[in-house]
Amino acid sequence: MCASNPSTACVAYAFTALDLDHDGELSVGELDRARDQLGAWTAAQGESLPFPVRHGIGTALRVVDLVGVERALYLYDSDGDGGLTLKEATQDLRLDQRPIGEIYAEGRLIDWTRIRAALGPSAFLLDYLGLE
């Protein structure tokens, strides 16, 4: 799905699959479950995943591990309702009509400036982890 389709469609598809109660938002429980499943799936795929995909998933998981699922939800839940909409969840991603791997390979998928701003004083840990 994500290897050849637009990044916007890929992320929307993943979001819908993670939204188990189909309320249009991801809760802490849904995000926790997604984090665990994505980590296990990525490990099981190993080298069969293209490097940009593997690295991108690893980066996302490290950032979530750094701040924690609850804090990540808090940082991105702009309306304060306790759940993340697709728009809220993707505000630091630069998605367009190209496949996600292509955008990632250019180094443009993640808006690190926005992530650093959201993390505030904790942003120095991104440097420690070797992230943009």
Protein backbone atom coordinates (compact mmCIF):
# COMPACT_ATOMS: atom_id res chain seq x y z
CA MET A 1 0.00 0.00 0.00
CA CYS A 2 2.57 2.57 1.08
CA ALA A 3 5.33 1.64 -1.36
CA SER A 4 3.57 3.09 -4.40
CA ASN A 5 0.53 5.07 -3.25
CA PRO A 6 0.50 8.72 -2.15
CA SER A 7 1.82 9.32 1.35
CA THR A 8 -1.45 11.01 2.28
CA ALA A 9 -3.39 7.83 1.40
CA CYS A 10 -0.85 5.62 3.19
CA VAL A 11 -1.08 7.56 6.43
CA ALA A 12 -4.89 7.84 6.24
CA TYR A 13 -5.12 4.07 5.73
CA ALA A 14 -2.86 3.39 8.72
CA PHE A 15 -4.80 5.86 10.88
CA THR A 16 -8.11 4.17 10.04
CA ALA A 17 -6.66 0.76 10.88
CA LEU A 18 -5.42 2.02 14.26
CA ASP A 19 -8.72 3.71 15.16
CA LEU A 20 -10.25 0.59 16.67
CA ASP A 21 -13.42 2.22 17.97
CA HIS A 22 -13.91 4.14 14.69
CA ASP A 23 -14.46 7.49 16.41
CA GLY A 24 -12.06 9.39 14.15
CA GLU A 25 -9.49 9.82 16.93
CA LEU A 26 -6.67 7.79 18.40
CA SER A 27 -6.80 7.36 22.18
CA VAL A 28 -3.88 6.63 24.52
CA GLY A 29 -4.88 2.95 24.50
CA GLU A 30 -5.00 2.80 20.71
CA LEU A 31 -1.64 4.58 20.47
CA ASP A 32 -0.05 2.23 23.03
CA ARG A 33 -1.32 -0.77 21.11
CA ALA A 34 -0.13 0.69 17.80
CA ARG A 35 3.32 1.40 19.22
CA ASP A 36 3.69 -2.17 20.47
CA GLN A 37 2.37 -3.73 17.26
CA LEU A 38 4.49 -1.55 15.01
CA GLY A 39 7.64 -2.37 16.95
CA ALA A 40 6.92 -6.10 16.80
CA TRP A 41 5.99 -6.00 13.11
CA THR A 42 9.11 -4.03 12.19
CA ALA A 43 11.33 -6.45 14.10
CA ALA A 44 9.66 -9.41 12.39
CA GLN A 45 10.16 -7.86 8.93
CA GLY A 46 13.83 -7.16 9.56
CA GLU A 47 15.92 -6.58 6.46
CA SER A 48 12.99 -7.27 4.14
CA LEU A 49 11.79 -3.71 4.78
CA PRO A 50 13.48 -1.07 2.63
CA PHE A 51 15.93 0.98 4.67
CA PRO A 52 13.96 4.27 4.43
CA VAL A 53 10.85 2.54 5.79
CA ARG A 54 12.75 0.70 8.54
CA HIS A 55 14.63 3.84 9.54
CA GLY A 56 11.52 6.01 9.45
CA ILE A 57 9.58 3.63 11.68
CA GLY A 58 12.54 3.33 14.04
CA THR A 59 12.79 7.11 14.27
CA ALA A 60 9.10 7.47 15.04
CA LEU A 61 9.26 4.77 17.72
CA ARG A 62 12.32 6.37 19.35
CA VAL A 63 10.60 9.75 19.52
CA VAL A 64 7.47 8.19 21.07
CA ASP A 65 9.62 6.24 23.53
CA LEU A 66 11.44 9.46 24.39
CA VAL A 67 8.35 11.41 25.34
CA GLY A 68 5.89 8.61 26.14
CA VAL A 69 2.55 7.93 24.50
CA GLU A 70 0.50 10.02 26.93
CA ARG A 71 2.76 13.06 26.61
CA ALA A 72 2.87 12.69 22.82
CA LEU A 73 -0.92 12.71 22.75
CA TYR A 74 -0.98 15.76 25.02
CA LEU A 75 1.55 17.62 22.85
CA TYR A 76 -0.41 17.04 19.65
CA ASP A 77 -4.02 17.08 20.89
CA SER A 78 -4.61 20.69 19.83
CA ASP A 79 -8.28 20.75 20.84
CA GLY A 80 -7.65 19.07 24.20
CA ASP A 81 -10.32 16.39 23.77
CA GLY A 82 -8.06 13.47 24.72
CA GLY A 83 -7.72 11.99 21.25
CA LEU A 84 -5.69 12.60 18.10
CA THR A 85 -7.38 13.25 14.80
CA LEU A 86 -5.54 12.46 11.58
CA LYS A 87 -4.76 16.17 11.17
CA GLU A 88 -3.35 16.43 14.70
CA ALA A 89 -1.35 13.22 14.37
CA THR A 90 0.29 14.30 11.11
CA GLN A 91 0.98 17.96 11.80
CA ASP A 92 4.76 17.38 11.85
CA LEU A 93 4.80 15.30 8.66
CA ARG A 94 5.19 16.69 5.16
CA LEU A 95 2.86 14.47 3.17
CA ASP A 96 1.97 14.84 -0.49
CA GLN A 97 1.09 12.74 -3.53
CA ARG A 98 4.42 10.89 -3.62
CA PRO A 99 5.02 7.60 -1.78
CA ILE A 100 6.16 8.05 1.79
CA GLY A 101 9.51 6.35 1.15
CA GLU A 102 10.36 8.86 -1.56
CA ILE A 103 9.67 11.82 0.73
CA TYR A 104 11.60 10.19 3.56
CA ALA A 105 14.59 9.46 1.30
CA GLU A 106 14.78 13.20 0.54
CA GLY A 107 14.92 13.93 4.27
CA ARG A 108 11.73 15.98 4.08
CA LEU A 109 9.11 13.75 5.67
CA ILE A 110 9.54 14.93 9.25
CA ASP A 111 9.41 18.59 10.26
CA TRP A 112 12.05 18.46 12.99
CA THR A 113 11.72 22.18 13.76
CA ARG A 114 8.09 21.66 14.77
CA ILE A 115 8.92 18.55 16.78
CA ARG A 116 11.66 20.41 18.65
CA ALA A 117 9.22 23.22 19.41
CA ALA A 118 6.64 20.74 20.71
CA LEU A 119 9.21 18.98 22.92
CA GLY A 120 10.46 22.22 24.43
CA PRO A 121 13.34 21.69 26.88
CA SER A 122 13.36 17.95 26.17
CA ALA A 123 14.34 18.57 22.53
CA PHE A 124 18.05 18.20 23.36
CA LEU A 125 17.41 14.46 23.68
CA LEU A 126 16.85 14.30 19.91
CA ASP A 127 20.52 15.23 19.49
CA TYR A 128 21.52 12.57 22.00
CA LEU A 129 19.59 9.96 20.01
CA GLY A 130 21.14 11.16 16.75
CA LEU A 131 17.84 12.43 15.38
CA GLU A 132 17.64 15.57 13.26
